[in-house]
């Protein structure tokens, strides 16, 4: 079953609109809240959302912000940030099996 990550979509919007630092802070806060409610590793989702928020901040451009948000380019940026988010999350989540094998 495929479900959208609404937190990541909102995070990408904030990152594109405000920049790298604000995207990173928003990613850390939203990830920490998700960590608290998921009862999983504390900090793992915060780290992955922080990195995804930072990556989305790279697309902050004064002249192109509205163009990014109002076209299919937003979907591509969300997809890139989703790959980054999931790569960081699963790399650290499964590191205990890979690193100490």
C-alpha atoms as a PDB file:
ATOM      1  CA  UNK A   1       0.000   0.000   0.000  1.00  0.00           C
ATOM      2  CA  UNK A   2       1.403   3.371  -1.004  1.00  0.00           C
ATOM      3  CA  UNK A   3       0.670   6.384   1.179  1.00  0.00           C
ATOM      4  CA  UNK A   4       1.913   9.937   0.714  1.00  0.00           C
ATOM      5  CA  UNK A   5       4.234  11.453   3.281  1.00  0.00           C
ATOM      6  CA  UNK A   6       2.311  14.653   3.962  1.00  0.00           C
ATOM      7  CA  UNK A   7       4.920  15.856   6.422  1.00  0.00           C
ATOM      8  CA  UNK A   8       7.603  15.610   3.752  1.00  0.00           C
ATOM      9  CA  UNK A   9       5.445  17.448   1.221  1.00  0.00           C
ATOM     10  CA  UNK A  10       4.915  20.292   3.682  1.00  0.00           C
ATOM     11  CA  UNK A  11       8.583  20.249   4.553  1.00  0.00           C
ATOM     12  CA  UNK A  12       9.601  20.568   0.913  1.00  0.00           C
ATOM     13  CA  UNK A  13       7.203  23.490   0.544  1.00  0.00           C
ATOM     14  CA  UNK A  14       8.811  25.259   3.515  1.00  0.00           C
ATOM     15  CA  UNK A  15      12.296  24.505   2.235  1.00  0.00           C
ATOM     16  CA  UNK A  16      11.580  25.904  -1.212  1.00  0.00           C
ATOM     17  CA  UNK A  17       9.820  28.952   0.196  1.00  0.00           C
ATOM     18  CA  UNK A  18      12.243  29.867   3.033  1.00  0.00           C
ATOM     19  CA  UNK A  19      15.622  28.254   2.321  1.00  0.00           C
ATOM     20  CA  UNK A  20      18.082  25.692   3.661  1.00  0.00           C
ATOM     21  CA  UNK A  21      18.263  26.758   7.312  1.00  0.00           C
ATOM     22  CA  UNK A  22      14.516  27.075   7.804  1.00  0.00           C
ATOM     23  CA  UNK A  23      13.969  23.815   5.913  1.00  0.00           C
ATOM     24  CA  UNK A  24      16.483  22.075   8.163  1.00  0.00           C
ATOM     25  CA  UNK A  25      14.895  23.432  11.329  1.00  0.00           C
ATOM     26  CA  UNK A  26      11.403  22.519  10.143  1.00  0.00           C
ATOM     27  CA  UNK A  27      12.656  19.051   9.229  1.00  0.00           C
ATOM     28  CA  UNK A  28      14.245  18.536  12.626  1.00  0.00           C
ATOM     29  CA  UNK A  29      11.139  19.663  14.523  1.00  0.00           C
ATOM     30  CA  UNK A  30       8.726  17.633  12.399  1.00  0.00           C
ATOM     31  CA  UNK A  31      11.009  14.587  12.528  1.00  0.00           C
ATOM     32  CA  UNK A  32      11.356  14.820  16.289  1.00  0.00           C
ATOM     33  CA  UNK A  33       7.585  15.011  16.681  1.00  0.00           C
ATOM     34  CA  UNK A  34       7.213  11.933  14.462  1.00  0.00           C
ATOM     35  CA  UNK A  35       9.880  10.148  16.513  1.00  0.00           C
ATOM     36  CA  UNK A  36       8.050  10.877  19.743  1.00  0.00           C
ATOM     37  CA  UNK A  37       4.719   9.600  18.407  1.00  0.00           C
ATOM     38  CA  UNK A  38       6.166   6.521  16.702  1.00  0.00           C
ATOM     39  CA  UNK A  39       7.952   5.133  19.796  1.00  0.00           C
ATOM     40  CA  UNK A  40      10.882   4.138  17.584  1.00  0.00           C
ATOM     41  CA  UNK A  41      14.492   5.266  17.611  1.00  0.00           C
ATOM     42  CA  UNK A  42      14.534   8.816  18.920  1.00  0.00           C
ATOM     43  CA  UNK A  43      16.346  11.062  16.482  1.00  0.00           C
ATOM     44  CA  UNK A  44      16.374   8.833  13.426  1.00  0.00           C
ATOM     45  CA  UNK A  45      13.393  10.444  11.723  1.00  0.00           C
ATOM     46  CA  UNK A  46      14.600  13.855  12.906  1.00  0.00           C
ATOM     47  CA  UNK A  47      17.925  13.286  11.154  1.00  0.00           C
ATOM     48  CA  UNK A  48      16.378  12.093   7.905  1.00  0.00           C
ATOM     49  CA  UNK A  49      13.823  14.920   7.789  1.00  0.00           C
ATOM     50  CA  UNK A  50      16.562  17.462   8.572  1.00  0.00           C
ATOM     51  CA  UNK A  51      18.612  16.277   5.609  1.00  0.00           C
ATOM     52  CA  UNK A  52      15.523  16.281   3.363  1.00  0.00           C
ATOM     53  CA  UNK A  53      14.665  19.818   4.486  1.00  0.00           C
ATOM     54  CA  UNK A  54      18.193  20.947   3.722  1.00  0.00           C
ATOM     55  CA  UNK A  55      18.061  19.378   0.261  1.00  0.00           C
ATOM     56  CA  UNK A  56      14.737  21.091  -0.474  1.00  0.00           C
ATOM     57  CA  UNK A  57      16.317  24.404   0.536  1.00  0.00           C
ATOM     58  CA  UNK A  58      18.698  24.121  -2.402  1.00  0.00           C
ATOM     59  CA  UNK A  59      15.738  24.907  -4.657  1.00  0.00           C
ATOM     60  CA  UNK A  60      15.081  28.255  -2.954  1.00  0.00           C
ATOM     61  CA  UNK A  61      15.552  30.875  -5.631  1.00  0.00           C
ATOM     62  CA  UNK A  62      13.970  34.344  -5.548  1.00  0.00           C
ATOM     63  CA  UNK A  63      13.060  34.324  -9.234  1.00  0.00           C
ATOM     64  CA  UNK A  64      11.976  30.679  -9.575  1.00  0.00           C
ATOM     65  CA  UNK A  65      10.181  29.905  -6.290  1.00  0.00           C
ATOM     66  CA  UNK A  66       6.664  30.390  -7.625  1.00  0.00           C
ATOM     67  CA  UNK A  67       7.535  28.492 -10.783  1.00  0.00           C
ATOM     68  CA  UNK A  68       8.746  25.536  -8.717  1.00  0.00           C
ATOM     69  CA  UNK A  69       5.668  25.500  -6.516  1.00  0.00           C
ATOM     70  CA  UNK A  70       3.090  25.877  -9.287  1.00  0.00           C
ATOM     71  CA  UNK A  71       4.277  23.236 -11.727  1.00  0.00           C
ATOM     72  CA  UNK A  72       5.242  19.601 -12.032  1.00  0.00           C
ATOM     73  CA  UNK A  73       8.758  20.551 -10.868  1.00  0.00           C
ATOM     74  CA  UNK A  74       7.403  20.485  -7.293  1.00  0.00           C
ATOM     75  CA  UNK A  75       6.604  16.778  -7.698  1.00  0.00           C
ATOM     76  CA  UNK A  76      10.143  16.113  -8.931  1.00  0.00           C
ATOM     77  CA  UNK A  77      11.631  18.013  -5.975  1.00  0.00           C
ATOM     78  CA  UNK A  78       9.405  16.075  -3.552  1.00  0.00           C
ATOM     79  CA  UNK A  79      10.553  12.832  -5.190  1.00  0.00           C
ATOM     80  CA  UNK A  80      14.230  13.781  -4.821  1.00  0.00           C
ATOM     81  CA  UNK A  81      13.735  14.714  -1.177  1.00  0.00           C
ATOM     82  CA  UNK A  82      11.796  11.502  -0.579  1.00  0.00           C
ATOM     83  CA  UNK A  83      14.671   9.418  -1.928  1.00  0.00           C
ATOM     84  CA  UNK A  84      17.116  11.324   0.287  1.00  0.00           C
ATOM     85  CA  UNK A  85      14.831  10.978   3.317  1.00  0.00           C
ATOM     86  CA  UNK A  86      14.318   7.234   2.871  1.00  0.00           C
ATOM     87  CA  UNK A  87      17.981   6.575   2.084  1.00  0.00           C
ATOM     88  CA  UNK A  88      19.165   8.278   5.266  1.00  0.00           C
ATOM     89  CA  UNK A  89      16.448   6.641   7.365  1.00  0.00           C
ATOM     90  CA  UNK A  90      16.989   3.090   6.160  1.00  0.00           C
ATOM     91  CA  UNK A  91      20.784   3.393   6.075  1.00  0.00           C
ATOM     92  CA  UNK A  92      20.818   4.132   9.797  1.00  0.00           C
ATOM     93  CA  UNK A  93      17.910   1.816  10.622  1.00  0.00           C
ATOM     94  CA  UNK A  94      19.551  -1.224   9.066  1.00  0.00           C
ATOM     95  CA  UNK A  95      23.117  -0.244   9.986  1.00  0.00           C
ATOM     96  CA  UNK A  96      22.988  -2.552  12.997  1.00  0.00           C
ATOM     97  CA  UNK A  97      22.634  -5.509  10.624  1.00  0.00           C
ATOM     98  CA  UNK A  98      25.119  -4.321   8.010  1.00  0.00           C
ATOM     99  CA  UNK A  99      27.808  -2.597  10.086  1.00  0.00           C
ATOM    100  CA  UNK A 100      28.151  -5.296  12.707  1.00  0.00           C
ATOM    101  CA  UNK A 101      27.717  -8.381  10.530  1.00  0.00           C
END
